[in-house]
Amino acid sequence: MKRCWIGSLACFLAYSLVAGAQITNGDFETGDLTGWTITAGTAFNGEPSTQAPPDAEGTYMVRSRPENATGTLVSDPFVIDNATFRFLIAGHRQWPDTTGGDGTVDPPYNWVVLRDAETDEELTDRIHPPGSDPFVEREIDVANLLGREVYIEIVDNSDATGYAWIAVDSFSLTGPSMGADVLEDFEDGPPFDARIWSVEGVFNIATYNQGWGAGPPQGDYHASSSYDGVNNAGNDVLTGTLTSGPFMVGEGNETLMMLVSGHNGPPDQNSTDENYVSVRRWEDDSEVARIFPPRSDASAIRSVNVSAEQGKALYLHIVDSRADGFGWLAVDYIRLSPEGGGHWLDVVPPVISRNGNSIVYLMRGDAWNDPGATAIDDWDGDLTSEIIIGGDEVDTETVGNYFITYDVADAAGNQAATVTRTVIVTEEVPQLPVSSTGLLMVLVLAFASIGVVWHHKRIQHG
């Protein structure tokens, strides 16, 4: 359920998520309902207010009134990134020492609950007022919801004339921050990091005003299929794929999260499956989950439970195959939560380049100085000093063939292809085969000599 509108400050705050982001206006200290929406009834009209029950925190709180009014107030979505959901609650759901209107001792009136932002599923037990005027503190363990995008629902559904109100304040996520292992935020700008990403067709790193945008943004850059890399105007008909290298799901990672925006067809038509983010296993390409764009220019948080993939390698295959209107896709701020050892994997070995010739001829007794080799790795850089020289020890006093090897591995253990050199120690200068270039030079010199002789004879014979 989307309750955040493009262009609003609340929307920007709700979706510009960084590790430790909190509930927008959870303490109502803005003095208005920024970050909140009344979705039913009139009970929360005119809130927040300063007419607080005892033990309130700060100046403002929210209370349903008058007693017989009903209504529902919901927060903008946010991500659970701490283990405890804490708030203050006061009020009643029935007359003291009586049953409720439905004849029960604990009637189903007035509550606070967390719901899934996409499916509206209730994720926690309903917390009812304490049956007292002073605020009391309530804490809910939400460690099992880490990484989930949720919203708060506050309900007054009792139309009784007394003891039928609910008041709340100071919503927050507390406890140690779970943090996140950020895999990619594209904040280095274009081009894509070739160690991680490969592109077919059109996908580019764009700013918010390039292509159709992806907002509200997290940082300055995102990956978009609607930006051709030249013209800032958005282009729906562009298509392409963006594929990542493998990343490790750490032992502490529970959820893969990312910001996604874009469309799968016009809003008045059924959504297609042409644009999507596929989360796949590296070992066999099997799909863990498929994420579709939210059919909105505004970024939405999408999450995948990857707790079953801990210690395994996954990768992302991002596809825009819709060459028509409302057919683009953008992604940003890809991370694993909570923080727990997730990281990109280096699966590409270093490359060794031999200095000098592959075959070297020496006369017996000549000095031998190995010209060596160089090694470069895409993640670790220059590994020349790490090269291990092996094979035969060259003895220039002994005629024979000697084979030298050059080997190196990067920090991830990827072994470079072995490079070799042959050193031939001989008693006499070898008869080297004439290369095509050498043969051409011989022919040129020969014809030049003939030309000189012919010219000389013509002079002699006048």
Protein backbone atom coordinates (compact mmCIF):
# COMPACT_ATOMS: atom_id res chain seq x y z
CA MET A 1 0.00 0.00 0.00
CA LYS A 2 1.60 3.19 -1.15
CA ARG A 3 0.88 6.27 0.92
CA CYS A 4 3.68 8.52 -0.22
CA TRP A 5 3.21 11.03 -2.99
CA ILE A 6 5.83 12.27 -5.44
CA GLY A 7 7.23 15.63 -4.53
CA SER A 8 6.29 15.63 -0.85
CA LEU A 9 8.94 16.14 1.77
CA ALA A 10 7.54 13.19 3.71
CA CYS A 11 7.98 10.98 0.67
CA PHE A 12 11.58 12.05 0.28
CA LEU A 13 12.33 11.30 3.91
CA ALA A 14 10.51 8.00 3.80
CA TYR A 15 12.39 6.66 0.80
CA SER A 16 15.81 8.27 1.14
CA LEU A 17 16.88 5.43 3.36
CA VAL A 18 20.28 5.12 4.93
CA ALA A 19 21.34 2.78 7.72
CA GLY A 20 19.65 3.92 10.93
CA ALA A 21 16.81 5.83 9.23
CA GLN A 22 13.90 6.42 11.63
CA ILE A 23 10.14 6.81 11.39
CA THR A 24 9.17 10.13 9.81
CA ASN A 25 7.71 12.44 12.46
CA GLY A 26 7.24 9.57 14.87
CA ASP A 27 7.05 11.99 17.81
CA PHE A 28 4.67 14.43 16.02
CA GLU A 29 6.92 17.33 17.05
CA THR A 30 6.42 19.03 13.67
CA GLY A 31 3.04 20.01 15.05
CA ASP A 32 1.25 18.50 12.05
CA LEU A 33 0.73 15.13 10.39
CA THR A 34 3.80 15.23 8.16
CA GLY A 35 4.60 11.58 7.44
CA TRP A 36 1.09 10.42 8.36
CA THR A 37 -2.21 10.02 6.51
CA ILE A 38 -5.80 9.79 7.74
CA THR A 39 -7.32 6.94 5.73
CA ALA A 40 -10.72 6.62 7.43
CA GLY A 41 -13.08 8.48 9.74
CA THR A 42 -12.74 11.76 11.62
CA ALA A 43 -11.25 10.71 14.95
CA PHE A 44 -7.80 12.06 14.11
CA ASN A 45 -8.88 15.30 12.43
CA GLY A 46 -7.11 18.31 13.90
CA GLU A 47 -4.26 16.27 15.34
CA PRO A 48 -1.61 16.36 16.65
CA SER A 49 -2.43 18.39 19.75
CA THR A 50 -0.86 19.58 22.97
CA GLN A 51 -3.69 18.35 25.19
CA ALA A 52 -1.70 15.32 26.16
CA PRO A 53 -2.35 12.62 28.74
CA PRO A 54 0.08 12.47 31.67
CA ASP A 55 3.63 11.25 31.03
CA ALA A 56 3.73 12.50 27.44
CA GLU A 57 7.09 13.18 25.82
CA GLY A 58 7.66 16.51 24.10
CA THR A 59 4.98 19.01 23.15
CA TYR A 60 2.74 17.13 20.73
CA MET A 61 0.96 13.79 20.60
CA VAL A 62 -2.01 12.27 18.72
CA ARG A 63 -5.35 11.44 20.36
CA SER A 64 -8.66 10.31 18.88
CA ARG A 65 -11.54 12.64 19.73
CA PRO A 66 -14.40 13.06 20.48
CA GLU A 67 -15.03 9.80 22.31
CA ASN A 68 -17.60 8.47 19.87
CA ALA A 69 -15.59 9.33 16.74
CA THR A 70 -13.82 6.58 14.79
CA GLY A 71 -10.95 6.69 12.35
CA THR A 72 -7.66 5.31 11.10
CA LEU A 73 -4.26 7.01 10.91
CA VAL A 74 -1.29 5.42 9.12
CA SER A 75 2.38 6.33 8.80
CA ASP A 76 4.45 6.55 5.66
CA PRO A 77 6.42 3.34 5.01
CA PHE A 78 9.77 2.77 6.66
CA VAL A 79 12.24 -0.11 6.94
CA ILE A 80 12.79 -2.04 10.16
CA ASP A 81 16.51 -1.68 10.81
CA ASN A 82 16.54 -1.95 14.60
CA ALA A 83 15.37 -4.81 16.77
CA THR A 84 12.83 -2.98 18.98
CA PHE A 85 9.72 -0.98 18.06
CA ARG A 86 8.90 1.42 20.88
CA PHE A 87 6.05 3.90 21.49
CA LEU A 88 3.80 5.45 24.14
CA ILE A 89 0.11 4.58 24.33
CA ALA A 90 -2.80 5.70 26.51
CA GLY A 91 -6.59 5.39 26.47
CA HIS A 92 -9.35 2.83 26.69
CA ARG A 93 -11.40 0.38 24.71
CA GLN A 94 -14.36 -0.11 27.09
CA TRP A 95 -16.03 1.20 30.24
CA PRO A 96 -14.17 0.04 33.38
CA ASP A 97 -15.36 -3.25 34.85
CA THR A 98 -17.79 -3.87 32.02
CA THR A 99 -17.82 -5.87 28.86
CA GLY A 100 -17.52 -4.25 25.49
CA GLY A 101 -20.27 -3.65 23.02
CA ASP A 102 -19.89 -7.17 21.64
CA GLY A 103 -20.19 -8.75 25.08
CA THR A 104 -16.49 -9.58 25.50
CA VAL A 105 -14.27 -8.58 28.40
CA ASP A 106 -11.53 -7.49 26.01
CA PRO A 107 -13.37 -6.12 22.98
CA PRO A 108 -11.51 -5.74 19.65
CA TYR A 109 -11.46 -1.96 19.79
CA ASN A 110 -8.66 0.59 19.37
CA TRP A 111 -5.17 -0.61 18.58
CA VAL A 112 -1.71 -0.03 17.09
CA VAL A 113 -0.26 -2.56 14.67
CA LEU A 114 2.55 -2.84 12.12
CA ARG A 115 1.56 -3.84 8.59
CA ASP A 116 3.56 -4.89 5.54
CA ALA A 117 3.87 -1.89 3.21
CA GLU A 118 3.26 -3.94 0.08
CA THR A 119 0.69 -6.55 1.12
CA ASP A 120 -0.98 -4.81 4.13
CA GLU A 121 -0.52 -8.03 6.13
CA GLU A 122 -0.53 -7.50 9.91
CA LEU A 123 2.97 -8.32 11.11
CA THR A 124 2.61 -7.84 14.88
CA ASP A 125 0.00 -8.41 17.52
CA ARG A 126 -2.43 -5.54 17.99
CA ILE A 127 -1.42 -3.38 20.93
CA HIS A 128 -4.49 -2.01 22.71
CA PRO A 129 -4.67 0.97 25.07
CA PRO A 130 -3.77 0.18 28.71
CA GLY A 131 -7.16 1.26 30.08
CA SER A 132 -5.64 4.31 31.78
CA ASP A 133 -5.20 8.00 31.08
CA PRO A 134 -1.43 8.24 31.63
CA PHE A 135 0.87 7.13 28.82
CA VAL A 136 2.61 3.79 29.24
CA GLU A 137 5.58 2.56 27.23
CA ARG A 138 5.25 -0.41 24.93
CA GLU A 139 8.11 -2.25 23.24
CA ILE A 140 7.78 -4.92 20.57
CA ASP A 141 10.60 -7.22 19.48
CA VAL A 142 10.76 -6.84 15.68
CA ALA A 143 14.07 -8.60 15.06
CA ASN A 144 12.20 -11.09 12.87
CA LEU A 145 11.11 -8.20 10.64
CA LEU A 146 14.55 -6.72 9.97
CA GLY A 147 14.72 -5.36 6.47
CA ARG A 148 10.93 -5.40 5.98
CA GLU A 149 9.18 -2.28 4.71
CA VAL A 150 6.26 -1.59 7.03
CA TYR A 151 3.87 1.10 8.19
CA ILE A 152 2.10 1.89 11.46
CA GLU A 153 -1.68 1.67 11.65
CA ILE A 154 -3.51 3.42 14.51
CA VAL A 155 -7.21 2.53 14.76
CA ASP A 156 -10.10 3.88 16.85
CA ASN A 157 -13.09 1.74 15.89
CA SER A 158 -15.19 2.24 19.04
CA ASP A 159 -18.14 4.62 18.80
CA ALA A 160 -18.97 4.43 22.50
CA THR A 161 -19.65 7.72 24.28
CA GLY A 162 -17.01 7.19 26.93
CA TYR A 163 -13.78 5.32 27.58
CA ALA A 164 -13.38 4.91 23.82
CA TRP A 165 -10.27 6.89 22.87
CA ILE A 166 -6.67 6.10 22.04
CA ALA A 167 -3.59 8.34 22.27
CA VAL A 168 -0.06 7.65 20.96
CA ASP A 169 3.33 9.34 20.89
CA SER A 170 7.06 8.84 20.38
CA PHE A 171 7.18 6.02 17.83
CA SER A 172 10.78 4.92 17.27
CA LEU A 173 13.04 2.01 16.44
CA THR A 174 15.48 1.39 19.26
CA GLY A 175 18.14 -1.04 20.31
CA PRO A 176 21.42 -1.58 18.54
CA SER A 177 21.30 -0.55 14.89
CA MET A 178 21.40 -3.52 12.59
CA GLY A 179 23.07 -1.53 9.83
CA ALA A 180 23.60 -2.97 6.37
CA ASP A 181 26.30 -4.20 4.03
CA VAL A 182 25.93 -1.79 1.12
CA LEU A 183 26.77 -3.54 -2.13
CA GLU A 184 26.08 -0.72 -4.59
CA ASP A 185 24.85 2.88 -4.47
CA PHE A 186 26.37 3.97 -7.85
CA GLU A 187 27.77 7.09 -6.13
CA ASP A 188 31.07 6.86 -8.00
CA GLY A 189 29.08 7.97 -11.05
CA PRO A 190 29.44 6.65 -14.59
CA PRO A 191 30.63 4.36 -16.03
CA PHE A 192 29.62 1.14 -14.31
CA ASP A 193 32.37 -0.60 -12.36
CA ALA A 194 33.52 -3.20 -14.89
CA ARG A 195 34.63 -5.51 -12.09
CA ILE A 196 31.00 -5.86 -11.01
CA TRP A 197 28.60 -4.93 -13.81
CA SER A 198 28.18 -5.95 -17.44
CA VAL A 199 25.72 -4.24 -19.79
CA GLU A 200 23.95 -5.41 -22.92
CA GLY A 201 21.81 -2.88 -24.78
CA VAL A 202 21.07 0.29 -22.83
CA PHE A 203 21.59 0.75 -19.11
CA ASN A 204 23.42 3.77 -17.72
CA ILE A 205 24.25 5.47 -14.47
CA ALA A 206 22.06 8.57 -14.31
CA THR A 207 21.27 11.49 -12.05
CA TYR A 208 17.76 12.34 -10.92
CA ASN A 209 17.18 14.69 -13.89
CA GLN A 210 18.43 12.22 -16.52
CA GLY A 211 16.03 9.74 -18.08
CA TRP A 212 12.74 9.45 -16.25
CA GLY A 213 14.46 9.85 -12.91
CA ALA A 214 14.12 7.63 -9.89
CA GLY A 215 12.92 9.51 -6.94
CA PRO A 216 13.14 10.47 -4.34
CA PRO A 217 16.80 9.57 -4.89
CA GLN A 218 19.28 8.06 -2.49
CA GLY A 219 22.40 10.09 -3.23
CA ASP A 220 23.16 11.55 -6.65
CA TYR A 221 23.19 8.51 -8.96
CA HIS A 222 21.19 5.42 -9.83
CA ALA A 223 21.12 2.84 -12.64
CA SER A 224 18.45 3.47 -15.28
CA SER A 225 17.23 1.95 -18.54
CA SER A 226 15.51 5.19 -19.61
CA TYR A 227 18.70 7.24 -20.01
CA ASP A 228 20.73 6.70 -23.18
CA GLY A 229 23.85 8.31 -21.76
CA VAL A 230 23.54 11.40 -23.97
CA ASN A 231 20.07 12.94 -23.97
CA ASN A 232 18.61 13.80 -20.60
CA ALA A 233 15.03 13.20 -21.74
CA GLY A 234 13.56 9.88 -20.67
CA ASN A 235 13.14 7.23 -23.34
CA ASP A 236 10.72 4.36 -22.71
CA VAL A 237 11.63 2.31 -25.78
CA LEU A 238 15.23 1.64 -24.78
CA THR A 239 15.91 -1.92 -23.71
CA GLY A 240 18.83 -3.71 -22.13
CA THR A 241 20.16 -5.89 -19.34
CA LEU A 242 22.43 -5.09 -16.43
CA THR A 243 24.07 -8.10 -14.79
CA SER A 244 26.18 -8.11 -11.67
CA GLY A 245 29.01 -10.32 -10.64
CA PRO A 246 28.50 -12.60 -7.63
CA PHE A 247 28.12 -11.38 -4.07
CA MET A 248 28.34 -13.39 -0.88
CA VAL A 249 25.40 -13.46 1.51
CA GLY A 250 27.06 -13.18 4.90
CA GLU A 251 26.25 -15.34 7.90
CA GLY A 252 24.54 -12.34 9.50
CA ASN A 253 22.57 -11.17 6.45
CA GLU A 254 18.82 -11.78 6.43
CA THR A 255 17.42 -9.51 3.72
CA LEU A 256 18.48 -8.19 0.31
CA MET A 257 17.04 -4.70 -0.20
CA MET A 258 17.08 -2.15 -3.00
CA LEU A 259 15.25 0.90 -4.28
CA VAL A 260 13.26 0.20 -7.45
CA SER A 261 11.24 2.54 -9.67
CA GLY A 262 9.69 2.27 -13.12
CA HIS A 263 6.83 0.66 -14.98
CA ASN A 264 5.60 -2.47 -16.70
CA GLY A 265 3.01 -0.91 -18.97
CA PRO A 266 0.50 1.97 -18.82
CA PRO A 267 -1.35 2.45 -15.53
CA ASP A 268 -4.71 1.68 -17.14
CA GLN A 269 -3.51 -1.72 -18.39
CA ASN A 270 -2.51 -4.92 -16.67
CA SER A 271 1.13 -5.05 -15.67
CA THR A 272 3.45 -7.13 -17.85
CA ASP A 273 6.49 -9.08 -16.72
CA GLU A 274 8.90 -7.51 -19.21
CA ASN A 275 10.87 -5.43 -16.70
CA TYR A 276 12.24 -7.01 -13.54
CA VAL A 277 15.17 -7.67 -11.23
CA SER A 278 16.04 -11.35 -10.98
CA VAL A 279 17.96 -12.53 -7.91
CA ARG A 280 19.83 -15.68 -8.90
CA ARG A 281 22.20 -18.24 -7.45
CA TRP A 282 25.70 -18.04 -8.89
CA GLU A 283 26.34 -21.77 -8.87
CA ASP A 284 23.46 -22.84 -11.11
CA ASP A 285 21.59 -19.66 -12.25
CA SER A 286 18.43 -20.76 -10.44
CA GLU A 287 16.17 -17.89 -9.43
CA VAL A 288 15.67 -16.98 -5.77
CA ALA A 289 13.18 -14.17 -6.37
CA ARG A 290 11.94 -11.77 -9.03
CA ILE A 291 11.23 -8.10 -8.26
CA PHE A 292 8.98 -6.01 -10.50
CA PRO A 293 8.93 -2.20 -10.69
CA PRO A 294 6.27 -0.45 -8.58
CA ARG A 295 4.58 1.19 -11.61
CA SER A 296 5.65 4.54 -10.24
CA ASP A 297 8.30 7.17 -10.91
CA ALA A 298 8.92 7.21 -7.15
CA SER A 299 11.39 4.73 -5.73
CA ALA A 300 9.92 1.95 -3.64
CA ILE A 301 11.85 -0.28 -1.29
CA ARG A 302 11.84 -3.90 -2.32
CA SER A 303 13.21 -6.70 -0.16
CA VAL A 304 13.94 -10.40 -0.52
CA ASN A 305 14.47 -12.79 2.37
CA VAL A 306 17.89 -14.38 1.76
CA SER A 307 18.41 -16.02 5.15
CA ALA A 308 18.35 -19.43 3.42
CA GLU A 309 21.19 -18.28 1.15
CA GLN A 310 23.69 -17.41 3.90
CA GLY A 311 27.19 -18.47 2.91
CA LYS A 312 26.19 -18.72 -0.75
CA ALA A 313 26.84 -16.53 -3.78
CA LEU A 314 24.02 -14.71 -5.55
CA TYR A 315 23.93 -12.25 -8.45
CA LEU A 316 21.47 -9.80 -10.00
CA HIS A 317 20.11 -9.89 -13.55
CA ILE A 318 18.23 -6.65 -14.24
CA VAL A 319 16.07 -6.68 -17.36
CA ASP A 320 14.22 -4.04 -19.39
CA SER A 321 12.69 -5.79 -22.39
CA ARG A 322 9.68 -3.52 -22.88
CA ALA A 323 10.21 -1.32 -25.97
CA ASP A 324 7.05 0.73 -25.47
CA GLY A 325 5.51 3.44 -23.31
CA PHE A 326 5.73 3.09 -19.55
CA GLY A 327 8.57 0.66 -20.08
CA TRP A 328 11.59 1.61 -17.99
CA LEU A 329 13.31 0.40 -14.84
CA ALA A 330 15.71 2.00 -12.35
CA VAL A 331 17.51 0.55 -9.31
CA ASP A 332 19.61 2.00 -6.52
CA TYR A 333 21.01 1.45 -3.04
CA ILE A 334 21.43 -2.33 -3.11
CA ARG A 335 22.33 -3.71 0.31
CA LEU A 336 22.20 -6.71 2.62
CA SER A 337 20.66 -6.22 6.05
CA PRO A 338 21.45 -6.49 8.86
CA GLU A 339 25.18 -5.98 8.61
CA GLY A 340 26.69 -9.41 8.54
CA GLY A 341 29.58 -9.94 6.15
CA GLY A 342 27.95 -9.55 2.73
CA HIS A 343 30.36 -8.49 0.00
CA TRP A 344 31.17 -8.72 -3.69
CA LEU A 345 33.18 -11.76 -4.72
CA ASP A 346 36.32 -11.60 -6.84
CA VAL A 347 36.11 -14.47 -9.32
CA VAL A 348 38.44 -13.13 -12.04
CA PRO A 349 42.09 -14.27 -11.87
CA PRO A 350 45.06 -11.94 -12.35
CA VAL A 351 46.81 -11.70 -15.72
CA ILE A 352 50.55 -12.29 -16.05
CA SER A 353 52.52 -10.63 -18.86
CA ARG A 354 55.99 -11.97 -19.61
CA ASN A 355 58.80 -9.46 -20.12
CA GLY A 356 60.93 -10.34 -23.13
CA ASN A 357 60.79 -13.37 -25.41
CA SER A 358 59.22 -16.71 -24.69
CA ILE A 359 62.35 -18.48 -25.99
CA VAL A 360 65.84 -17.24 -25.13
CA TYR A 361 69.08 -18.65 -26.64
CA LEU A 362 72.35 -18.45 -24.72
CA MET A 363 75.88 -19.51 -25.59
CA ARG A 364 77.40 -21.74 -22.96
CA GLY A 365 79.01 -19.55 -20.31
CA ASP A 366 76.88 -16.47 -21.06
CA ALA A 367 75.34 -14.60 -18.13
CA TRP A 368 71.61 -15.12 -17.51
CA ASN A 369 69.38 -12.39 -16.04
CA ASP A 370 65.70 -13.25 -15.94
CA PRO A 371 63.71 -10.27 -17.30
CA GLY A 372 60.77 -11.46 -15.20
CA ALA A 373 57.06 -10.69 -15.68
CA THR A 374 54.31 -8.36 -14.47
CA ALA A 375 50.90 -9.22 -12.99
CA ILE A 376 47.73 -7.12 -12.78
CA ASP A 377 44.47 -7.98 -10.99
CA ASP A 378 41.15 -6.16 -11.42
CA TRP A 379 40.56 -5.94 -7.65
CA ASP A 380 44.05 -6.08 -6.13
CA GLY A 381 45.91 -4.03 -8.73
CA ASP A 382 49.63 -4.60 -9.34
CA LEU A 383 50.68 -8.06 -8.10
CA THR A 384 54.10 -8.11 -9.76
CA SER A 385 55.87 -8.39 -6.43
CA GLU A 386 53.75 -11.45 -5.61
CA ILE A 387 54.83 -13.47 -8.66
CA ILE A 388 56.40 -16.82 -7.80
CA ILE A 389 59.15 -17.87 -10.23
CA GLY A 390 59.50 -21.61 -10.50
CA GLY A 391 60.63 -24.35 -12.82
CA ASP A 392 64.26 -25.10 -13.71
CA GLU A 393 67.31 -23.28 -12.42
CA VAL A 394 69.25 -22.11 -15.48
CA ASP A 395 72.87 -23.37 -15.56
CA THR A 396 74.62 -21.58 -18.40
CA GLU A 397 77.63 -23.89 -18.07
CA THR A 398 75.53 -26.87 -19.03
CA VAL A 399 74.03 -27.22 -22.50
CA GLY A 400 70.32 -27.96 -22.43
CA ASN A 401 66.76 -26.64 -22.35
CA TYR A 402 65.49 -24.97 -19.18
CA PHE A 403 61.82 -24.18 -18.47
CA ILE A 404 60.84 -21.28 -16.19
CA THR A 405 57.33 -20.70 -14.82
CA TYR A 406 55.61 -17.56 -13.48
CA ASP A 407 52.61 -17.91 -11.16
CA VAL A 408 50.52 -15.61 -8.97
CA ALA A 409 47.17 -15.62 -7.12
CA ASP A 410 45.06 -12.70 -5.94
CA ALA A 411 43.74 -12.13 -2.41
CA ALA A 412 40.59 -14.11 -3.23
CA GLY A 413 42.67 -17.14 -4.24
CA ASN A 414 42.10 -16.87 -7.99
CA GLN A 415 45.11 -18.41 -9.70
CA ALA A 416 46.48 -16.77 -12.83
CA ALA A 417 47.23 -18.88 -15.88
CA THR A 418 50.85 -19.98 -15.68
CA VAL A 419 53.23 -18.18 -18.02
CA THR A 420 56.42 -19.94 -19.14
CA ARG A 421 59.75 -19.15 -20.71
CA THR A 422 62.23 -21.55 -22.35
CA VAL A 423 65.96 -20.87 -22.02
CA ILE A 424 68.17 -22.86 -24.42
CA VAL A 425 71.88 -23.07 -23.63
CA THR A 426 73.93 -24.20 -26.66
CA GLU A 427 77.53 -24.56 -27.83
CA GLU A 428 77.03 -22.54 -31.00
CA VAL A 429 74.82 -19.77 -32.28
CA PRO A 430 71.53 -21.36 -33.36
CA GLN A 431 70.30 -21.07 -36.92
CA LEU A 432 67.16 -19.07 -36.28
CA PRO A 433 64.31 -19.50 -38.74
CA VAL A 434 63.79 -16.51 -41.02
CA SER A 435 60.56 -14.79 -40.19
CA SER A 436 58.25 -13.44 -42.88
CA THR A 437 59.54 -9.95 -42.09
CA GLY A 438 63.14 -11.10 -42.34
CA LEU A 439 62.46 -12.86 -45.64
CA LEU A 440 60.93 -9.69 -47.05
CA MET A 441 64.00 -7.70 -46.07
CA VAL A 442 66.27 -10.24 -47.78
CA LEU A 443 64.24 -10.00 -50.98
CA VAL A 444 64.26 -6.19 -50.88
CA LEU A 445 68.03 -6.11 -50.43
CA ALA A 446 68.48 -8.66 -53.21
CA PHE A 447 66.38 -6.70 -55.69
CA ALA A 448 68.13 -3.53 -54.66
CA SER A 449 71.49 -5.14 -55.45
CA ILE A 450 70.24 -6.29 -58.86
CA GLY A 451 68.98 -2.79 -59.54
CA VAL A 452 72.36 -1.27 -58.73
CA VAL A 453 74.19 -3.75 -61.00
CA TRP A 454 71.72 -3.19 -63.88
CA HIS A 455 72.02 0.57 -63.53
CA HIS A 456 75.82 0.32 -63.48
CA LYS A 457 75.87 -1.76 -66.66
CA ARG A 458 73.69 0.73 -68.51
CA ILE A 459 76.14 3.50 -67.66
CA GLN A 460 79.04 1.36 -68.87
CA HIS A 461 77.32 0.61 -72.19
CA GLY A 462 76.24 4.15 -72.61
